[in-house]
Each structure stands twice: as C-alpha cells, then as structure tokens.
Amino acid sequence: MKITDIKPYPIWVGRRNQMLVKVETDSGIYGWGESGLSGRELAVDGAVKHYANFLVGRDPMKIGAAWQEMYRSQYFEGGRVLTAAISAIDIALHDIKGKALGVPVYDLLGGKQRDFVPGFATTQAPPGDEMIEQAQTLIDAGWKAMRLSFAKGEGEGDPAVFEPRESIGITADWFTKARKELGETVVLGVDYHHRLSVAESASFMNKMPSGTLDFIEEPIRDESPEAYEVLRTMVDIPFAIGEEFASKWQFLPYIERGLTNFVRVDICNVGGFTEAMKVAGWAEAHYIDLMPHNPLGPVCTAASVHLGAAVPNFSWLEARAGVLGDDGRTNTDIFPDQIELEGAMYPVPTEPGLGVDVNEDALKAYQFEHWEPPRLIREDGSYTNA
C-alpha cells in the first residue's frame, strides 16, 4: 500500500475554520486528520502541501518513520505550524492503519482501557446568576466537571477592552458564590486564556476561599516556566497547562518541575498520536492526568476519544455541551458519521480506524473564511493578551 495523495481542506464550519486533511492510498483506504492551529490554517495548508511532496509514494503503515522524517527534515526544527501539519497527517495515517488492520485506533495504542471518555463542559454566560444557572443545568444533565466563565467586560464599554484587575475582582466574587450554590462534589475550574500576569493571577486565586476552584487553566503565558514556578509558590489551586504546546519538549519543564497538575495536550497540535502517547506516558510517570484540549471538529474529537480510551491517566476531555446550544462545528452534512456525546461522556467507538467519516463532496461546498482572534487592549490603549 502506498500514499497517493494528501489533501488539505481549510474550511469555515460553524463559528471558525477547521483544517481537515485527507490521506489517500492506492488500496482505496483513506484517512482523515485535523490540525488545531486556529487562526493560522493557511500556514498549515502550505506545510501539509510541502510534506505531501515527499510522502506521496511512501508506505502509510510506517507512521513513526514518517513522523520523524517530517519533524527532522528541516534545519529549523519544530514550531506550531509544522507540528500542526504533522498532527493532521499522523492522525490520518493512524486512521488508515486501523482500517487496514480492521481495528479501532486505540488498539494500535495498546488497547481500550475505558468504555466511555468523560467530558467537561464550559458555561457561556459571563459571571453572574445566569452563569450559575447554566452550571446547574450542566449538573442536572450529568456533567461532573466544568469550567466557569471569567469576566471579559461585555456590555461595559468597548468589548475589545480587557482590564485584568476589574476582571479578577468580579470573577472571584461570582466563583465564590457559585461554589456555595453548586456544592462541593462538582469539579469547577476556569480557563483564563493566559490573560493575566503573575501578580494578577496570584491576586485572583487568593481572593477566593481555598477549595473554591479545582483547577485554573493557563492563567499566564507559557513561554517562561520560571514565571509559573514563582506563581506555584504563591497559590494552592492546581494548574492545567499545555494546550498550546507543540511537542514533548515544550512539556518537559512543566512535567519535570511539577508545574502542571493536568496535562492539556492537544492531539491536533502536539504531533498527533505519535507524540501525544509519549507525553501521556511521561505524565503518568509523574502521576499527572491528561485533560485534552478539544475546541475543534469531529475528527479532532474522535482522535482525542481514542487517546483517552488508550491511556490510564485520564481526567476529562473538553466538550461542547448540547444542553447549552450548538455552535455548528459538528455539521452533519460534512460529518455524517461522528462520535456523539451520551450525556456527559463520549462512548468509545468499535469501528476500524477513528470511527468518524467526512463527506468530501459536501466539504467542497464550504470555503475558507479569514478570521482573526480578538486583539484586546487595555483602557490606556496598550495591547494585552487575547
């Protein structure tokens, strides 16, 4: 069996672009993958086309060798664009291999260790009574873990303005109320989207009684592990870090120095199954559970479910709770076969490969749409983290 074509499809689905990749073979077996570098899909599109130049004609079953060649074939190693492209291709190759052997992808990774992959949801309303009501709706629907919303300033002047100190004061007050109303058994966290400084993060966490939050995700930017090391000494809330990491090497200081308590690995960014399984094993050796990042489409969700099924150290997979509305990313015209939530969990599929398929004819009717994440500014006009 040989690879005959690699087709990138950057298209707008729902409220953002998805970067899908199809790998075809001369046996008629094909595989689908997805890249997770949101907002820079065209850069990944170019990288996929570059890799296609030397992967066409190769054996799709030699996944490890393909990964090493893609990663090591340039002088300037790594980088999010390249590993996002590698991720999509690696996932598609695992889909092909599973189909060729007649087994689900998790059987290629050591076999199934759970029947359902638990998810965590995120409230959509800003901090306030409605946020708490949404959280209660999730609990009533069977969700045991969720992220609450942080204050962003919507409705208070320009929505592009973000003032950290105002945000943390409002958010801490409502989170304290939320814990009292929602009880002690539900897992509550927040993703601050690296919008805070070390001092602001410490101030925010220390404004709440101990035990209010079970985790805080990405409170500060990840370029400096030393900054997280300082923050770790100032607060007692577990950290969830890693959704932006593009290799096992980026995880190195965070796992080895005990700077994260949940690994937010993104299989569509970190390098696909090949790299994600290495990160999972490394985390297991340090008693750290995976909490995968999954903001994309059904292909990434399927890959994340297989990863979650195959590893022992797993907490929750990021999911969109249907009870809070549909953002359109699971378009059934494009994705006629996908893994759907059952309550607050994803059932582990039994079909060969990923267990998800894409209607390529329907796909061709959708186009790429230019989109940029918000460029947030402070009240003084200076830029801050988006």
Protein backbone atom coordinates (compact mmCIF):
# COMPACT_ATOMS: atom_id res chain seq x y z
CA MET A 1 0.00 0.00 0.00
CA LYS A 2 1.28 3.46 -0.95
CA ILE A 3 0.16 7.01 -0.26
CA THR A 4 -1.25 8.52 -3.46
CA ASP A 5 -2.43 11.96 -2.31
CA ILE A 6 -2.63 14.27 0.70
CA LYS A 7 -5.40 16.86 0.51
CA PRO A 8 -5.73 19.80 2.91
CA TYR A 9 -9.17 21.35 3.38
CA PRO A 10 -9.22 24.62 5.34
CA ILE A 11 -12.95 25.46 5.56
CA TRP A 12 -15.33 27.51 7.71
CA VAL A 13 -17.61 25.31 9.82
CA GLY A 14 -19.89 26.83 12.45
CA ARG A 15 -18.08 29.72 14.09
CA ARG A 16 -14.49 29.11 12.97
CA ASN A 17 -12.33 27.40 10.38
CA GLN A 18 -11.45 23.74 10.56
CA MET A 19 -8.26 22.43 8.96
CA LEU A 20 -9.03 18.92 7.71
CA VAL A 21 -6.55 16.67 5.92
CA LYS A 22 -7.32 13.57 3.85
CA VAL A 23 -4.61 11.00 3.07
CA GLU A 24 -5.44 8.62 0.20
CA THR A 25 -3.81 5.32 -0.77
CA ASP A 26 -3.68 3.08 -3.83
CA SER A 27 -5.69 0.42 -1.97
CA GLY A 28 -8.72 2.70 -1.73
CA ILE A 29 -8.30 3.08 2.04
CA TYR A 30 -8.13 6.70 3.18
CA GLY A 31 -7.75 8.50 6.49
CA TRP A 32 -8.80 11.85 7.93
CA GLY A 33 -6.86 14.11 10.27
CA GLU A 34 -7.29 17.59 11.68
CA SER A 35 -4.91 20.41 12.57
CA GLY A 36 -5.55 22.59 15.60
CA LEU A 37 -3.74 25.84 14.85
CA SER A 38 -6.83 28.04 14.87
CA GLY A 39 -6.50 31.33 13.01
CA ARG A 40 -3.45 30.22 11.01
CA GLU A 41 -4.96 27.47 8.86
CA LEU A 42 -3.46 28.70 5.59
CA ALA A 43 0.04 28.45 7.04
CA VAL A 44 -0.69 24.81 7.95
CA ASP A 45 -2.18 24.26 4.49
CA GLY A 46 1.19 25.21 3.00
CA ALA A 47 3.09 22.92 5.35
CA VAL A 48 0.80 19.96 4.52
CA LYS A 49 1.38 20.53 0.80
CA HIS A 50 5.12 20.66 1.40
CA TYR A 51 5.08 17.34 3.26
CA ALA A 52 2.92 15.80 0.54
CA ASN A 53 5.75 16.37 -1.94
CA PHE A 54 7.85 13.63 -0.33
CA LEU A 55 5.22 11.49 1.43
CA VAL A 56 3.30 10.54 -1.72
CA GLY A 57 4.56 7.11 -2.73
CA ARG A 58 5.52 6.13 0.82
CA ASP A 59 4.13 3.28 2.93
CA PRO A 60 1.36 4.73 5.16
CA MET A 61 1.88 1.95 7.71
CA LYS A 62 5.31 3.30 8.70
CA ILE A 63 3.86 6.07 10.84
CA GLY A 64 6.78 6.53 13.23
CA ALA A 65 9.27 6.87 10.41
CA ALA A 66 7.01 9.38 8.62
CA TRP A 67 6.75 11.44 11.82
CA GLN A 68 10.50 11.52 12.30
CA GLU A 69 11.13 12.46 8.68
CA MET A 70 8.60 15.29 8.76
CA TYR A 71 9.95 16.66 12.04
CA ARG A 72 13.65 16.25 11.31
CA SER A 73 13.70 17.07 7.59
CA GLN A 74 14.32 20.79 8.06
CA TYR A 75 17.20 22.59 9.72
CA PHE A 76 14.78 24.73 11.76
CA GLU A 77 13.06 22.05 13.77
CA GLY A 78 9.59 22.18 15.28
CA GLY A 79 7.26 25.11 15.59
CA ARG A 80 3.47 25.18 15.88
CA VAL A 81 2.77 25.43 12.14
CA LEU A 82 4.85 22.38 11.30
CA THR A 83 3.68 20.22 14.18
CA ALA A 84 0.05 21.15 13.47
CA ALA A 85 0.55 19.84 9.93
CA ILE A 86 2.35 16.76 11.22
CA SER A 87 -0.52 16.18 13.68
CA ALA A 88 -3.17 16.10 10.97
CA ILE A 89 -1.14 13.74 8.78
CA ASP A 90 -0.23 11.48 11.73
CA ILE A 91 -3.88 11.18 12.78
CA ALA A 92 -4.90 10.36 9.21
CA LEU A 93 -2.20 7.68 8.96
CA HIS A 94 -3.46 6.06 12.17
CA ASP A 95 -6.98 6.14 10.69
CA ILE A 96 -5.65 4.32 7.60
CA LYS A 97 -3.72 1.75 9.60
CA GLY A 98 -6.69 0.98 11.83
CA LYS A 99 -8.93 0.49 8.78
CA ALA A 100 -6.31 -1.65 7.03
CA LEU A 101 -5.97 -3.93 10.06
CA GLY A 102 -9.69 -3.86 10.89
CA VAL A 103 -9.23 -2.41 14.39
CA PRO A 104 -10.04 0.86 16.15
CA VAL A 105 -7.11 3.27 16.50
CA TYR A 106 -6.92 2.70 20.27
CA ASP A 107 -5.98 -0.93 19.55
CA LEU A 108 -2.88 0.42 17.81
CA LEU A 109 -2.04 2.27 21.05
CA GLY A 110 -2.28 -0.66 23.44
CA GLY A 111 -6.00 -1.28 23.58
CA LYS A 112 -9.07 0.14 25.26
CA GLN A 113 -8.83 0.97 28.97
CA ARG A 114 -12.30 2.51 29.40
CA ASP A 115 -15.69 2.23 27.71
CA PHE A 116 -16.56 5.91 27.99
CA VAL A 117 -14.39 9.03 27.89
CA PRO A 118 -15.74 11.60 30.38
CA GLY A 119 -16.02 15.20 29.27
CA PHE A 120 -16.00 18.61 30.85
CA ALA A 121 -18.17 21.50 29.67
CA THR A 122 -17.89 25.30 29.84
CA THR A 123 -20.54 27.82 30.79
CA GLN A 124 -21.21 30.52 28.19
CA ALA A 125 -22.73 33.37 30.18
CA PRO A 126 -20.41 35.87 31.90
CA PRO A 127 -20.08 35.68 35.71
CA GLY A 128 -23.50 36.27 37.23
CA ASP A 129 -26.74 34.49 38.05
CA GLU A 130 -27.09 33.13 34.50
CA MET A 131 -23.62 31.52 34.67
CA ILE A 132 -24.61 29.71 37.86
CA GLU A 133 -27.92 28.67 36.29
CA GLN A 134 -26.05 27.23 33.29
CA ALA A 135 -23.71 25.35 35.62
CA GLN A 136 -26.70 23.87 37.44
CA THR A 137 -28.22 22.88 34.09
CA LEU A 138 -24.99 21.02 33.31
CA ILE A 139 -25.03 19.27 36.68
CA ASP A 140 -28.66 18.25 36.17
CA ALA A 141 -27.68 16.82 32.76
CA GLY A 142 -24.99 14.63 34.33
CA TRP A 143 -21.84 16.75 33.96
CA LYS A 144 -19.42 16.24 36.84
CA ALA A 145 -16.71 18.70 35.72
CA MET A 146 -16.91 22.13 34.12
CA ARG A 147 -15.19 25.44 33.56
CA LEU A 148 -16.92 28.60 34.67
CA SER A 149 -16.74 31.85 32.68
CA PHE A 150 -14.43 34.72 33.61
CA ALA A 151 -15.48 38.36 33.31
CA LYS A 152 -14.46 39.87 29.96
CA GLY A 153 -16.24 43.22 30.05
CA GLU A 154 -19.03 42.54 27.54
CA GLY A 155 -21.65 45.23 27.83
CA GLU A 156 -19.32 47.51 29.75
CA GLY A 157 -17.94 49.83 27.13
CA ASP A 158 -15.81 48.52 24.26
CA PRO A 159 -15.80 44.66 24.20
CA ALA A 160 -12.23 44.81 22.85
CA VAL A 161 -11.07 46.35 26.15
CA PHE A 162 -9.89 43.95 28.84
CA GLU A 163 -8.80 45.20 32.24
CA PRO A 164 -7.31 42.33 34.29
CA ARG A 165 -7.86 43.85 37.72
CA GLU A 166 -11.52 44.55 37.03
CA SER A 167 -11.95 41.05 35.64
CA ILE A 168 -10.42 39.19 38.57
CA GLY A 169 -12.44 41.08 41.16
CA ILE A 170 -15.80 40.36 39.51
CA THR A 171 -14.87 36.78 38.64
CA ALA A 172 -13.58 35.82 42.10
CA ASP A 173 -16.74 37.15 43.74
CA TRP A 174 -19.06 35.14 41.47
CA PHE A 175 -16.95 31.98 41.65
CA THR A 176 -17.17 32.06 45.44
CA LYS A 177 -20.97 32.32 45.14
CA ALA A 178 -21.03 29.56 42.52
CA ARG A 179 -19.19 27.09 44.76
CA LYS A 180 -21.64 27.74 47.60
CA GLU A 181 -24.67 27.23 45.34
CA LEU A 182 -23.38 24.29 43.28
CA GLY A 183 -21.95 22.27 46.16
CA GLU A 184 -18.64 20.56 46.84
CA THR A 185 -18.86 17.49 44.60
CA VAL A 186 -18.78 19.13 41.16
CA VAL A 187 -15.34 19.89 39.70
CA LEU A 188 -15.05 23.63 38.95
CA GLY A 189 -12.28 25.32 37.01
CA VAL A 190 -11.57 28.30 34.79
CA ASP A 191 -9.53 28.99 31.67
CA TYR A 192 -8.08 32.49 31.97
CA HIS A 193 -6.62 32.19 28.48
CA HIS A 194 -3.20 33.47 29.63
CA ARG A 195 -4.57 36.99 30.05
CA LEU A 196 -3.05 37.66 33.48
CA SER A 197 0.36 38.46 34.92
CA VAL A 198 1.91 36.54 37.82
CA ALA A 199 0.76 39.18 40.32
CA GLU A 200 -2.76 39.33 38.86
CA SER A 201 -3.05 35.54 38.85
CA ALA A 202 -1.97 35.27 42.48
CA SER A 203 -4.32 38.07 43.49
CA PHE A 204 -7.24 36.38 41.71
CA MET A 205 -6.68 32.97 43.26
CA ASN A 206 -6.12 34.38 46.73
CA LYS A 207 -9.37 36.37 46.61
CA MET A 208 -11.32 33.10 46.88
CA PRO A 209 -11.55 30.67 49.81
CA SER A 210 -9.27 27.65 49.43
CA GLY A 211 -11.08 24.87 47.57
CA THR A 212 -13.29 27.17 45.50
CA LEU A 213 -11.63 26.03 42.26
CA ASP A 214 -10.31 22.57 41.42
CA PHE A 215 -8.08 23.87 38.63
CA ILE A 216 -7.07 27.02 36.79
CA GLU A 217 -6.06 26.77 33.16
CA GLU A 218 -3.39 28.93 31.51
CA PRO A 219 -3.52 31.93 33.87
CA ILE A 220 -0.28 33.32 32.37
CA ARG A 221 1.62 32.81 29.12
CA ASP A 222 3.71 29.65 28.89
CA GLU A 223 6.98 30.97 27.40
CA SER A 224 8.57 31.22 30.85
CA PRO A 225 8.40 28.10 33.05
CA GLU A 226 10.22 30.19 35.66
CA ALA A 227 7.20 32.50 35.90
CA TYR A 228 4.95 29.51 36.60
CA GLU A 229 7.49 28.32 39.15
CA VAL A 230 7.13 31.62 41.03
CA LEU A 231 3.32 31.53 40.75
CA ARG A 232 3.26 27.95 42.07
CA THR A 233 4.75 29.15 45.37
CA MET A 234 2.05 31.82 45.79
CA VAL A 235 -1.19 29.82 45.31
CA ASP A 236 -2.74 26.44 46.10
CA ILE A 237 -5.02 25.84 43.09
CA PRO A 238 -3.94 23.04 40.68
CA PHE A 239 -2.72 24.21 37.26
CA ALA A 240 -3.89 22.85 33.87
CA ILE A 241 -1.32 23.75 31.20
CA GLY A 242 -0.27 22.64 27.73
CA GLU A 243 -2.96 23.26 25.11
CA GLU A 244 -0.56 25.44 23.11
CA PHE A 245 2.43 23.09 23.34
CA ALA A 246 3.71 21.79 20.02
CA SER A 247 5.99 18.97 21.18
CA LYS A 248 7.00 16.81 24.11
CA TRP A 249 9.95 19.14 24.59
CA GLN A 250 7.65 22.03 25.47
CA PHE A 251 6.03 19.84 28.12
CA LEU A 252 9.44 18.95 29.60
CA PRO A 253 9.87 21.69 32.25
CA TYR A 254 6.20 21.66 33.19
CA ILE A 255 6.13 17.93 33.88
CA GLU A 256 9.62 17.56 35.32
CA ARG A 257 9.37 20.59 37.64
CA GLY A 258 5.82 19.80 38.79
CA LEU A 259 4.43 23.00 37.27
CA THR A 260 1.23 21.44 35.93
CA ASN A 261 -1.26 19.14 37.59
CA PHE A 262 -3.32 18.42 34.47
CA VAL A 263 -1.78 18.00 31.00
CA ARG A 264 -3.85 19.94 28.45
CA VAL A 265 -2.37 18.09 25.47
CA ASP A 266 -3.89 18.91 22.06
CA ILE A 267 -3.50 15.89 19.78
CA CYS A 268 -4.08 18.11 16.73
CA ASN A 269 -1.18 20.41 17.66
CA VAL A 270 1.35 18.37 19.59
CA GLY A 271 2.17 15.95 16.77
CA GLY A 272 -0.73 13.52 16.57
CA PHE A 273 -0.96 10.14 18.28
CA THR A 274 2.77 9.51 17.91
CA GLU A 275 3.73 12.44 20.13
CA ALA A 276 0.65 12.54 22.38
CA MET A 277 1.23 8.98 23.60
CA LYS A 278 4.79 9.90 24.61
CA VAL A 279 3.51 12.88 26.57
CA ALA A 280 0.86 10.65 28.20
CA GLY A 281 3.44 8.12 29.36
CA TRP A 282 5.70 10.84 30.67
CA ALA A 283 2.81 12.40 32.58
CA GLU A 284 1.85 9.00 34.02
CA ALA A 285 5.33 8.62 35.47
CA HIS A 286 4.71 11.86 37.40
CA TYR A 287 1.13 10.97 38.49
CA ILE A 288 -0.41 13.62 36.23
CA ASP A 289 -3.67 13.07 34.36
CA LEU A 290 -4.45 14.16 30.81
CA MET A 291 -7.18 16.75 30.27
CA PRO A 292 -7.03 17.16 26.46
CA HIS A 293 -7.75 20.40 24.65
CA ASN A 294 -10.52 19.90 22.07
CA PRO A 295 -12.07 23.10 20.63
CA LEU A 296 -12.22 21.87 17.04
CA GLY A 297 -14.31 19.49 14.95
CA PRO A 298 -15.44 15.84 15.00
CA VAL A 299 -12.14 14.50 13.60
CA CYS A 300 -10.14 16.02 16.47
CA THR A 301 -12.80 14.85 18.93
CA ALA A 302 -12.56 11.29 17.59
CA ALA A 303 -8.76 11.31 17.83
CA SER A 304 -8.99 12.65 21.39
CA VAL A 305 -11.50 9.95 22.36
CA HIS A 306 -9.15 7.21 21.08
CA LEU A 307 -6.29 8.79 23.02
CA GLY A 308 -8.46 8.95 26.14
CA ALA A 309 -9.51 5.33 25.70
CA ALA A 310 -5.92 4.08 25.45
CA VAL A 311 -4.23 5.78 28.43
CA PRO A 312 -4.67 5.03 32.15
CA ASN A 313 -4.05 8.58 33.38
CA PHE A 314 -7.08 10.48 32.14
CA SER A 315 -9.43 13.01 33.72
CA TRP A 316 -11.80 14.75 31.27
CA LEU A 317 -11.96 15.69 27.60
CA GLU A 318 -13.02 19.21 26.63
CA ALA A 319 -16.50 19.02 25.10
CA ARG A 320 -19.34 21.23 23.91
CA ALA A 321 -22.46 20.57 25.98
CA GLY A 322 -25.51 20.32 23.75
CA VAL A 323 -27.79 21.50 26.55
CA LEU A 324 -26.17 24.95 26.23
CA GLY A 325 -26.67 25.19 22.45
CA ASP A 326 -24.98 24.16 19.21
CA ASP A 327 -22.03 26.12 17.78
CA GLY A 328 -22.27 24.36 14.40
CA ARG A 329 -18.86 22.69 14.45
CA THR A 330 -20.40 19.20 14.23
CA ASN A 331 -22.14 19.91 10.88
CA THR A 332 -23.81 16.63 9.93
CA ASP A 333 -23.66 17.35 6.19
CA ILE A 334 -19.88 17.33 6.38
CA PHE A 335 -19.58 14.76 9.17
CA PRO A 336 -22.29 12.10 8.62
CA ASP A 337 -20.51 9.69 10.97
CA GLN A 338 -19.12 11.10 14.20
CA ILE A 339 -18.76 10.25 17.87
CA GLU A 340 -21.60 11.93 19.76
CA LEU A 341 -21.91 12.65 23.45
CA GLU A 342 -24.05 10.37 25.58
CA GLY A 343 -24.88 12.61 28.49
CA ALA A 344 -21.52 13.94 29.63
CA MET A 345 -19.40 11.17 28.11
CA TYR A 346 -18.20 10.03 24.71
CA PRO A 347 -18.74 6.32 24.02
CA VAL A 348 -15.58 4.64 22.82
CA PRO A 349 -16.22 3.51 19.21
CA THR A 350 -15.70 -0.01 17.92
CA GLU A 351 -15.38 0.68 14.17
CA PRO A 352 -11.97 0.29 12.46
CA GLY A 353 -9.92 3.47 12.34
CA LEU A 354 -11.18 6.64 14.01
CA GLY A 355 -14.86 5.83 13.68
CA VAL A 356 -15.61 9.17 12.03
CA ASP A 357 -16.05 9.99 8.35
CA VAL A 358 -16.20 13.11 6.21
CA ASN A 359 -18.44 13.73 3.18
CA GLU A 360 -15.82 15.06 0.80
CA ASP A 361 -18.40 16.19 -1.76
CA ALA A 362 -20.21 18.25 0.88
CA LEU A 363 -16.86 19.54 2.11
CA LYS A 364 -16.09 21.09 -1.26
CA ALA A 365 -19.13 23.38 -0.97
CA TYR A 366 -17.55 25.15 2.03
CA GLN A 367 -14.86 27.81 1.82
CA PHE A 368 -12.12 29.19 4.00
CA GLU A 369 -13.03 32.47 5.69
CA HIS A 370 -10.43 34.83 7.03
CA TRP A 371 -10.77 35.20 10.79
CA GLU A 372 -8.61 36.78 13.45
CA PRO A 373 -8.87 36.29 17.20
CA PRO A 374 -9.73 39.44 19.15
CA ARG A 375 -6.94 41.95 19.63
CA LEU A 376 -7.60 43.07 23.18
CA ILE A 377 -6.45 46.41 24.54
CA ARG A 378 -6.44 47.97 27.98
CA GLU A 379 -8.12 51.26 28.81
CA ASP A 380 -4.86 53.12 28.19
CA GLY A 381 -4.73 51.82 24.60
CA SER A 382 -1.92 49.27 25.08
CA TYR A 383 -2.27 45.72 23.74
CA THR A 384 -2.84 42.83 26.12
CA ASN A 385 -3.08 39.06 25.68
CA ALA A 386 -6.01 37.82 23.62
